[in-house]
Protein backbone atom coordinates (compact mmCIF):
# COMPACT_ATOMS: atom_id res chain seq x y z
CA MET A 1 0.05 -0.08 -0.02
CA ARG A 2 2.94 2.38 0.62
CA TRP A 3 4.30 1.70 -2.73
CA TRP A 4 0.84 2.23 -4.29
CA SER A 5 0.49 5.53 -2.51
CA VAL A 6 3.96 6.66 -3.74
CA ALA A 7 3.02 5.59 -7.31
CA ASN A 8 -0.30 7.36 -7.11
CA PHE A 9 1.27 10.65 -5.85
CA VAL A 10 3.65 10.54 -8.76
CA SER A 11 0.87 9.89 -11.23
CA ASN A 12 -1.30 12.50 -9.87
CA ALA A 13 1.41 15.12 -9.93
CA GLY A 14 2.17 14.28 -13.56
CA THR A 15 -1.55 14.42 -14.52
CA TRP A 16 -2.11 17.85 -13.05
CA MET A 17 1.07 18.99 -14.86
CA GLN A 18 -0.41 17.83 -18.09
CA LEU A 19 -3.87 19.38 -17.28
CA THR A 20 -2.33 22.67 -16.53
CA VAL A 21 -0.13 22.67 -19.52
CA GLN A 22 -2.89 21.41 -21.80
CA ASN A 23 -5.04 24.49 -21.05
CA LEU A 24 -2.09 26.74 -21.79
CA LEU A 25 -1.25 24.74 -24.98
CA VAL A 26 -4.78 25.29 -26.29
CA LEU A 27 -4.74 28.93 -25.60
CA GLN A 28 -1.33 29.12 -27.42
CA ILE A 29 -2.69 27.37 -30.54
CA THR A 30 -6.08 28.94 -30.70
CA GLY A 31 -6.14 32.05 -28.43
CA SER A 32 -9.61 31.15 -27.46
CA ALA A 33 -10.97 30.38 -23.93
CA ALA A 34 -13.94 28.63 -25.51
CA ALA A 35 -11.65 26.12 -27.24
CA THR A 36 -9.88 25.46 -23.86
CA GLY A 37 -13.31 24.57 -22.32
CA LEU A 38 -13.98 22.39 -25.44
CA SER A 39 -10.87 20.39 -25.02
CA MET A 40 -11.76 19.61 -21.35
CA SER A 41 -15.29 18.57 -22.56
CA VAL A 42 -13.95 16.31 -25.25
CA GLN A 43 -11.75 14.58 -22.73
CA ALA A 44 -14.66 14.05 -20.27
CA ALA A 45 -17.22 12.96 -23.06
CA PRO A 46 -16.01 9.25 -23.07
CA GLY A 47 -16.79 9.07 -19.37
CA LEU A 48 -20.41 10.14 -20.26
CA LEU A 49 -20.76 7.41 -22.92
CA MET A 50 -18.43 4.68 -22.10
CA SER A 51 -17.84 4.41 -18.30
CA VAL A 52 -20.42 1.57 -17.84
CA ALA A 53 -18.59 -0.43 -20.65
CA GLY A 54 -15.12 0.29 -18.92
CA GLY A 55 -16.46 -0.80 -15.57
CA ALA A 56 -17.65 -4.05 -17.04
CA ALA A 57 -14.31 -4.68 -18.64
CA VAL A 58 -12.66 -4.11 -15.11
CA ASP A 59 -15.19 -6.79 -13.69
CA ARG A 60 -14.23 -9.21 -16.46
CA TRP A 61 -10.43 -8.82 -16.80
CA PRO A 62 -7.60 -9.47 -14.17
CA ARG A 63 -7.41 -6.22 -12.24
CA LYS A 64 -3.60 -5.92 -11.97
CA LEU A 65 -3.17 -6.62 -15.62
CA THR A 66 -5.86 -4.14 -16.54
CA ALA A 67 -4.44 -1.40 -14.48
CA ALA A 68 -1.00 -1.92 -15.87
CA VAL A 69 -2.03 -2.00 -19.38
CA SER A 70 -4.29 1.08 -19.07
CA GLN A 71 -1.39 3.05 -17.37
CA GLY A 72 1.01 2.02 -20.10
CA LEU A 73 -1.53 3.30 -22.81
CA LEU A 74 -1.90 6.58 -21.03
CA GLY A 75 1.81 6.91 -20.82
CA ALA A 76 2.04 6.28 -24.66
CA VAL A 77 -0.47 9.01 -25.35
CA ALA A 78 1.35 11.42 -23.25
CA PHE A 79 4.72 10.51 -24.93
CA VAL A 80 3.09 10.95 -28.48
CA THR A 81 1.86 14.28 -27.41
CA ALA A 82 5.34 15.38 -26.17
CA VAL A 83 6.91 14.46 -29.51
CA LEU A 84 4.28 16.22 -31.54
CA VAL A 85 4.81 19.51 -29.29
CA ALA A 86 8.52 19.10 -29.59
CA THR A 87 8.50 18.75 -33.34
CA ASP A 88 5.84 21.61 -33.72
CA GLN A 89 3.28 19.14 -35.39
CA LEU A 90 0.47 19.42 -32.85
CA ASN A 91 -2.72 21.26 -34.04
CA LEU A 92 -6.08 21.69 -32.41
CA ALA A 93 -7.70 18.69 -34.25
CA VAL A 94 -4.94 16.29 -33.18
CA LEU A 95 -4.92 17.60 -29.63
CA MET A 96 -8.71 17.02 -29.45
CA ALA A 97 -8.33 13.48 -30.79
CA LEU A 98 -5.48 12.64 -28.16
CA ALA A 99 -7.76 14.22 -25.47
CA ALA A 100 -10.48 11.88 -26.45
CA VAL A 101 -8.23 8.81 -26.44
CA THR A 102 -7.13 9.72 -23.09
CA GLY A 103 -10.68 10.01 -21.73
CA LEU A 104 -11.61 6.76 -23.31
CA ILE A 105 -8.62 4.81 -21.65
CA ALA A 106 -9.53 6.64 -18.32
CA THR A 107 -12.98 4.92 -18.35
CA VAL A 108 -11.20 1.60 -17.65
CA ASP A 109 -8.13 2.96 -15.76
CA GLY A 110 -10.19 4.85 -13.05
CA PRO A 111 -12.15 1.93 -11.73
CA ALA A 112 -9.31 -0.49 -12.10
CA CYS A 113 -6.83 1.54 -10.10
CA ALA A 114 -9.53 2.47 -7.52
CA LEU A 115 -10.34 -1.20 -6.76
CA LEU A 116 -6.87 -2.30 -7.10
CA GLY A 117 -6.00 0.02 -4.13
CA ASN A 118 -8.75 -1.62 -2.13
CA ASP A 119 -7.48 -4.96 -2.72
CA LEU A 120 -4.27 -4.08 -0.92
CA VAL A 121 -5.88 -3.71 2.41
CA ARG A 122 -8.38 -5.67 4.61
CA THR A 123 -12.07 -4.89 4.22
CA GLU A 124 -12.20 -2.98 7.50
CA ASP A 125 -9.30 -0.71 6.29
CA VAL A 126 -10.86 0.25 3.17
CA PRO A 127 -12.12 3.65 4.34
CA SER A 128 -8.56 4.36 5.59
CA ALA A 129 -7.27 3.26 2.19
CA ILE A 130 -9.65 5.61 0.30
CA GLY A 131 -8.73 8.51 2.82
CA VAL A 132 -5.08 8.05 2.02
CA GLY A 133 -5.96 8.07 -1.70
CA SER A 134 -7.71 11.42 -1.23
CA LEU A 135 -4.89 12.83 0.60
CA VAL A 136 -2.35 11.59 -2.13
CA HIS A 137 -4.71 13.11 -4.86
CA ASN A 138 -4.72 16.61 -3.19
CA ALA A 139 -0.97 16.61 -2.51
CA GLY A 140 -0.29 15.59 -6.08
CA ARG A 141 -2.55 18.27 -7.41
CA LEU A 142 -0.67 20.92 -5.46
CA ALA A 143 2.73 19.46 -6.57
CA GLY A 144 1.68 19.05 -10.14
CA ALA A 145 0.37 22.63 -10.46
CA ALA A 146 3.58 24.00 -9.06
CA LEU A 147 5.91 21.76 -11.17
CA ALA A 148 4.01 22.68 -14.34
CA GLY A 149 5.10 26.29 -14.16
CA ILE A 150 8.62 25.33 -13.43
CA THR A 151 8.79 22.72 -16.17
CA VAL A 152 7.35 24.86 -18.80
CA GLY A 153 9.63 27.80 -17.80
CA PHE A 154 12.90 25.88 -18.00
CA LEU A 155 12.22 22.88 -20.32
CA GLY A 156 9.15 23.82 -22.40
CA THR A 157 5.59 22.54 -22.88
CA GLY A 158 6.55 19.17 -24.34
CA ALA A 159 8.56 18.25 -21.16
CA ALA A 160 5.50 18.39 -18.96
CA TYR A 161 3.77 15.75 -21.29
CA ALA A 162 6.98 13.70 -21.12
CA ALA A 163 7.08 13.91 -17.39
CA ASN A 164 3.48 12.69 -17.19
CA GLY A 165 4.37 9.78 -19.41
CA LEU A 166 7.04 8.64 -17.12
CA SER A 167 4.79 8.98 -14.17
CA PHE A 168 2.35 6.45 -15.93
CA LEU A 169 5.27 4.04 -16.64
CA PHE A 170 6.34 4.25 -13.04
CA VAL A 171 2.86 3.20 -11.78
CA ALA A 172 2.65 0.45 -14.49
CA ALA A 173 6.20 -0.70 -13.19
CA VAL A 174 4.94 -0.89 -9.47
CA ILE A 175 1.68 -2.83 -10.25
CA PRO A 176 3.29 -6.21 -10.87
CA PHE A 177 4.89 -6.25 -7.38
CA LEU A 178 1.64 -5.34 -5.48
CA ARG A 179 0.25 -8.26 -3.52
CA PRO A 180 -3.55 -8.25 -2.77
CA VAL A 181 -4.14 -8.81 0.95
CA HIS A 182 -6.59 -11.69 0.36
CA LYS A 183 -3.77 -13.97 -0.54
CA PHE A 184 -2.61 -13.62 3.05
CA VAL A 185 -5.79 -13.63 4.74
CA ARG A 186 -7.28 -16.60 3.01
CA GLY A 187 -3.89 -18.45 2.85
CA ALA A 188 -4.33 -19.13 -0.93
CA LYS A 189 -2.40 -18.02 -3.98
CA THR A 190 -5.53 -16.95 -5.84
CA ALA A 191 -8.99 -15.96 -4.81
CA PRO A 192 -11.56 -18.73 -5.04
CA LYS A 193 -13.78 -18.78 -8.13
CA PRO A 194 -17.28 -17.69 -7.60
CA PRO A 195 -19.95 -20.38 -7.72
CA ARG A 196 -21.70 -20.71 -11.14
CA THR A 197 -25.46 -20.50 -11.24
CA PRO A 198 -27.09 -23.84 -11.58
CA LEU A 199 -28.65 -24.72 -14.98
CA GLY A 200 -32.16 -23.59 -15.37
CA LYS A 201 -31.83 -21.00 -12.69
CA LYS A 202 -32.25 -17.42 -13.71
CA ASP A 203 -29.24 -15.15 -12.88
CA THR A 204 -29.86 -12.25 -10.50
CA PRO A 205 -27.64 -9.18 -9.87
CA ASP A 206 -26.48 -10.76 -6.66
CA ALA A 207 -25.70 -14.24 -7.88
CA GLY A 208 -22.01 -14.60 -8.12
CA GLY A 209 -20.11 -13.75 -11.26
CA THR A 210 -21.29 -16.06 -14.11
CA ASP A 211 -20.90 -14.97 -17.63
CA ASP A 212 -24.64 -13.97 -17.80
CA ASP A 213 -24.10 -11.79 -14.76
CA MET A 214 -21.16 -9.82 -16.26
CA THR A 215 -23.10 -7.81 -18.61
CA VAL A 216 -23.47 -3.92 -18.63
CA ARG A 217 -27.27 -4.06 -18.09
CA GLN A 218 -26.78 -6.09 -14.84
CA GLY A 219 -24.70 -3.31 -13.49
CA VAL A 220 -27.03 -0.70 -14.38
CA LEU A 221 -30.00 -2.58 -12.90
CA TYR A 222 -28.10 -3.31 -9.66
CA PHE A 223 -27.35 0.41 -9.20
CA MET A 224 -30.90 1.48 -9.98
CA ARG A 225 -32.43 -1.13 -7.51
CA ARG A 226 -30.14 -0.03 -4.67
CA PRO A 227 -31.98 2.87 -2.85
CA ARG A 228 -28.78 3.86 -0.98
CA LEU A 229 -26.83 4.17 -4.23
CA VAL A 230 -29.56 6.18 -5.83
CA ALA A 231 -29.67 8.49 -2.83
CA LEU A 232 -25.93 8.83 -2.88
CA ALA A 233 -26.07 9.89 -6.59
CA GLY A 234 -28.86 12.37 -5.72
CA ILE A 235 -26.81 14.02 -2.86
CA THR A 236 -23.76 14.23 -5.04
CA GLY A 237 -25.68 15.64 -7.87
CA LEU A 238 -27.13 18.38 -5.88
CA SER A 239 -23.78 19.21 -4.37
CA ALA A 240 -22.12 19.27 -7.72
CA VAL A 241 -24.67 21.62 -9.39
CA PHE A 242 -25.42 23.95 -6.45
CA GLY A 243 -22.20 23.88 -4.38
CA ARG A 244 -18.54 22.62 -4.52
CA ASN A 245 -17.80 24.52 -7.69
CA TYR A 246 -15.99 27.05 -5.44
CA GLY A 247 -13.36 27.80 -8.13
CA LEU A 248 -16.21 29.61 -10.03
CA THR A 249 -18.41 30.91 -7.11
CA LEU A 250 -15.67 32.09 -4.74
CA ALA A 251 -13.62 33.64 -7.49
CA VAL A 252 -16.61 35.71 -8.55
CA LEU A 253 -17.28 36.54 -4.84
CA VAL A 254 -13.68 37.42 -4.01
CA THR A 255 -13.02 39.52 -7.07
CA GLY A 256 -16.50 41.10 -7.08
CA PRO A 257 -18.40 42.06 -3.89
CA LEU A 258 -15.24 41.50 -1.69
CA ALA A 259 -13.09 43.62 -3.94
CA GLY A 260 -10.13 41.32 -3.84
CA GLY A 261 -7.70 40.39 -6.63
CA ALA A 262 -6.10 37.32 -8.04
CA GLY A 263 -3.82 37.15 -5.07
CA ALA A 264 -6.67 37.06 -2.87
CA PHE A 265 -8.37 34.32 -4.69
CA GLY A 266 -5.14 32.40 -4.66
CA THR A 267 -5.19 32.54 -0.79
CA VAL A 268 -8.75 31.21 -0.91
CA SER A 269 -7.64 28.29 -3.11
CA THR A 270 -4.74 27.49 -0.94
CA VAL A 271 -7.12 27.33 2.27
CA LEU A 272 -9.43 25.14 0.18
CA ALA A 273 -6.49 22.66 -0.63
CA VAL A 274 -5.39 22.64 3.03
CA GLY A 275 -8.95 21.89 4.08
CA GLY A 276 -9.13 19.16 1.65
CA ILE A 277 -5.83 17.43 3.03
CA ILE A 278 -7.24 17.79 6.58
CA GLY A 279 -10.45 16.31 5.61
CA ALA A 280 -8.74 13.46 3.84
CA VAL A 281 -6.80 12.64 7.06
CA LEU A 282 -10.11 12.77 9.10
CA GLY A 283 -11.86 10.70 6.54
CA ALA A 284 -9.21 7.98 6.73
CA ARG A 285 -10.32 7.41 10.30
CA LEU A 286 -13.86 6.46 9.32
CA ARG A 287 -14.72 2.85 10.01
CA LYS A 288 -18.32 2.18 8.67
CA PRO A 289 -19.41 5.31 6.72
CA SER A 290 -23.01 5.40 5.43
CA VAL A 291 -25.23 7.41 3.07
CA ARG A 292 -26.78 9.12 6.02
CA LEU A 293 -23.26 10.35 7.14
CA VAL A 294 -22.63 11.66 3.57
CA GLY A 295 -25.93 13.52 3.59
CA THR A 296 -25.50 14.97 6.89
CA LEU A 297 -21.95 16.19 5.98
CA ALA A 298 -23.22 17.54 2.66
CA ALA A 299 -26.04 19.45 4.46
CA ALA A 300 -23.50 20.86 6.88
CA GLY A 301 -21.33 22.00 4.10
CA ALA A 302 -24.25 23.61 2.39
CA LEU A 303 -25.15 25.60 5.52
CA LEU A 304 -21.48 26.85 5.84
CA GLN A 305 -21.85 27.81 2.23
CA VAL A 306 -24.98 29.90 3.04
CA VAL A 307 -23.04 31.68 5.70
CA ALA A 308 -20.08 32.20 3.35
CA GLY A 309 -22.36 33.94 0.97
CA PHE A 310 -22.92 36.58 3.56
CA SER A 311 -19.28 37.19 4.38
CA PRO A 312 -18.54 40.84 4.83
CA SER A 313 -14.84 40.60 4.38
CA LEU A 314 -12.11 38.31 3.04
CA ALA A 315 -10.99 37.33 6.46
CA VAL A 316 -14.42 36.09 7.40
CA LEU A 317 -14.58 34.12 4.23
CA LEU A 318 -11.18 32.48 4.92
CA VAL A 319 -12.50 31.54 8.28
CA LEU A 320 -15.47 29.67 6.79
CA VAL A 321 -13.64 28.16 3.67
CA LEU A 322 -11.50 25.95 5.78
CA PRO A 323 -14.36 23.96 7.54
CA MET A 324 -16.25 23.94 4.21
CA ALA A 325 -13.33 22.14 2.45
CA VAL A 326 -12.95 19.69 5.47
CA VAL A 327 -16.50 18.74 5.43
CA GLU A 328 -16.54 18.38 1.66
CA SER A 329 -13.44 16.11 1.71
CA VAL A 330 -14.75 13.87 4.55
CA SER A 331 -18.08 13.57 2.87
CA ASP A 332 -16.32 12.54 -0.42
CA THR A 333 -14.39 9.90 1.40
CA ALA A 334 -17.39 8.53 3.03
CA GLY A 335 -19.37 8.42 -0.16
CA THR A 336 -16.56 6.74 -2.07
CA THR A 337 -16.25 4.08 0.56
CA VAL A 338 -19.88 3.21 0.31
CA LEU A 339 -19.73 3.24 -3.51
CA GLN A 340 -16.79 0.76 -3.55
CA THR A 341 -17.91 -1.54 -0.68
CA ASP A 342 -21.73 -1.70 -0.83
CA PRO A 343 -21.73 -3.83 -4.20
CA PRO A 344 -20.58 -7.41 -4.22
CA ALA A 345 -17.08 -7.81 -5.39
CA HIS A 346 -18.06 -8.92 -9.00
CA MET A 347 -20.23 -5.91 -9.49
CA ARG A 348 -17.88 -3.21 -8.28
CA GLY A 349 -16.44 -2.31 -11.58
CA ARG A 350 -19.70 -1.71 -13.20
CA VAL A 351 -21.08 0.31 -10.24
CA LEU A 352 -18.07 2.54 -10.62
CA GLY A 353 -18.77 2.63 -14.32
CA VAL A 354 -22.36 3.83 -13.77
CA TRP A 355 -20.99 6.26 -11.19
CA GLY A 356 -18.59 7.56 -13.77
CA THR A 357 -21.46 8.33 -16.20
CA ILE A 358 -23.45 10.05 -13.45
CA LYS A 359 -20.32 12.04 -12.21
CA THR A 360 -19.64 13.23 -15.71
CA THR A 361 -23.15 14.25 -16.22
CA TRP A 362 -23.07 16.42 -13.24
CA GLY A 363 -19.68 17.75 -13.98
CA LEU A 364 -20.70 18.90 -17.47
CA ALA A 365 -24.15 20.22 -16.35
CA GLY A 366 -23.10 21.99 -13.07
CA PRO A 367 -20.83 24.88 -14.13
CA PRO A 368 -23.24 26.20 -16.83
CA ALA A 369 -26.25 25.91 -14.45
CA LEU A 370 -24.27 27.56 -11.62
CA GLY A 371 -23.08 30.25 -14.12
CA LEU A 372 -26.67 30.99 -15.02
CA LEU A 373 -27.73 31.16 -11.38
CA MET A 374 -24.90 33.62 -10.75
CA GLU A 375 -26.04 35.80 -13.74
CA LEU A 376 -29.52 35.93 -12.17
CA ALA A 377 -28.68 36.19 -8.36
CA GLY A 378 -25.09 37.16 -8.23
CA ALA A 379 -22.25 35.34 -6.41
CA ARG A 380 -23.81 35.91 -2.96
CA GLY A 381 -27.13 34.95 -4.18
CA ALA A 382 -25.92 31.69 -5.82
CA LEU A 383 -23.96 30.59 -2.72
CA VAL A 384 -27.00 31.25 -0.42
CA SER A 385 -29.72 29.90 -2.66
CA GLY A 386 -27.57 26.96 -3.64
CA GLY A 387 -26.70 26.06 -0.15
CA LEU A 388 -30.46 26.27 0.92
CA VAL A 389 -31.41 24.02 -2.06
CA ILE A 390 -28.90 21.36 -1.04
CA ALA A 391 -29.73 21.33 2.73
CA GLY A 392 -33.53 21.61 2.10
CA ALA A 393 -33.59 18.68 -0.30
CA ILE A 394 -31.48 16.60 2.03
CA GLY A 395 -33.63 17.35 5.03
CA ALA A 396 -36.83 16.54 2.92
CA GLY A 397 -35.33 13.32 1.80
CA TYR A 398 -34.65 12.22 5.48
CA VAL A 399 -38.28 13.18 6.41
CA LEU A 400 -39.77 11.23 3.65
CA ARG A 401 -37.65 8.10 4.36
CA ARG A 402 -38.62 8.15 7.95
CA ARG A 403 -42.30 8.33 6.89
CA ARG A 404 -41.96 5.43 4.55
CA THR A 405 -40.28 3.38 7.00
CA ALA A 406 -42.76 0.82 8.43
CA THR A 407 -42.67 0.12 12.15
CA THR A 408 -42.82 -3.51 13.04
CA VAL A 409 -45.14 -4.41 16.02
CA ILE A 410 -44.71 -7.88 17.62
CA LEU A 411 -47.60 -9.21 19.67
CA ARG A 412 -46.89 -11.64 22.48
CA THR A 413 -48.60 -14.98 21.89
CA GLU A 414 -50.75 -16.25 24.81
CA PRO A 415 -52.79 -19.42 24.77
CA ALA A 416 -56.46 -18.73 24.92
CA VAL A 417 -58.75 -20.84 27.09
CA VAL A 418 -62.20 -21.35 25.73
CA SER A 419 -64.68 -23.84 27.30
CA GLY A 420 -61.58 -25.62 28.88
CA GLN A 421 -59.94 -25.94 25.52
CA LEU A 422 -56.74 -24.15 24.34
CA ARG A 423 -57.03 -22.26 21.09
CA PRO A 424 -54.07 -20.69 19.27
CA SER A 425 -54.11 -16.93 19.53
CA LEU A 426 -52.65 -14.58 16.81
CA SER A 427 -48.86 -14.91 16.56
CA THR A 428 -47.42 -11.81 15.07
CA ALA A 429 -48.59 -8.78 13.15
CA ALA A 430 -46.67 -6.01 11.26
């Protein structure tokens, strides 16, 4: 797990280097901010269309091999881009095509690497592993953004892509030496094969891993029939659309009503990053997170967002931003743990694939919707109204759930004596 964490840190730093440089590269080629946004959408689009198929592939194929191959392919794309940049052969069309290929490979690589990390620890330690992963992600993001500027300044744009390619190869080289913990817990060299469904018996989403049970359709049906997963998707969707886009809302708030500049927003961004790291550390201490906990944390973060919308000064905003980021990070860790541990092992890849589609949908729809809300209500109004919508919807969901939960009443059974004969009385009633 230590080696896997180091590899992920290197990979995340390289990825954020490439993402930072890619935006600059598109601006250099086109001079258009709209084209920059389009390149990001093109890279995200495969996640909207192919994530479920990618998750099904992860369920069918050996996980270590799948992760190693996908990391190698991502490294190859990065190296090709670096060569094209160095030889001045890269144009917008080729860059968009490479971005789309990267997004397509990521539909397999994302769930494969996430589940491989969980395989390295015991079941009770999965929340801690996810927390460590979140911590590594945030640290890699900070390091990658900083290294991007240094690399471009001294070595040029292509060097950032080459560095990212090397980071992928480093991960691919580490994977063969990873040892899933079940080999030691069960005392076997390989995990036992799941029992096959008897002939004539219809497969169900919970029946263990036969060929008929490895389809994309089964993964979608399993997700839709699990109320807690649907509730988790709803909570995450509300937070994605009406909150959490702090890079947009807080940027407008700081530079607008609070009359700050780019430096002030940089300070806010740094506090957000620090809060994310603190939240990842706290999230790693969770043992049995639940959807209820995710909803409670999301509602708390939404209420903090409402208060932040009324901030009279930058100092007050900074005081509120830190707990907002901490609550968001812990909530993300809890939600990811539920998502990766609730399904049976043979369904987890497809469940993560369905989640990838949902997450991409919210990611594409959230910023435009929030931008429109800010146009109508301003930055303060967007923060306040968005927070109220999130907290109100989660509160209403809790009330409805409690009303729909039936209360079971158990009646004691007493023998009835009628005319000297015993007659059975009612046993139980619900």
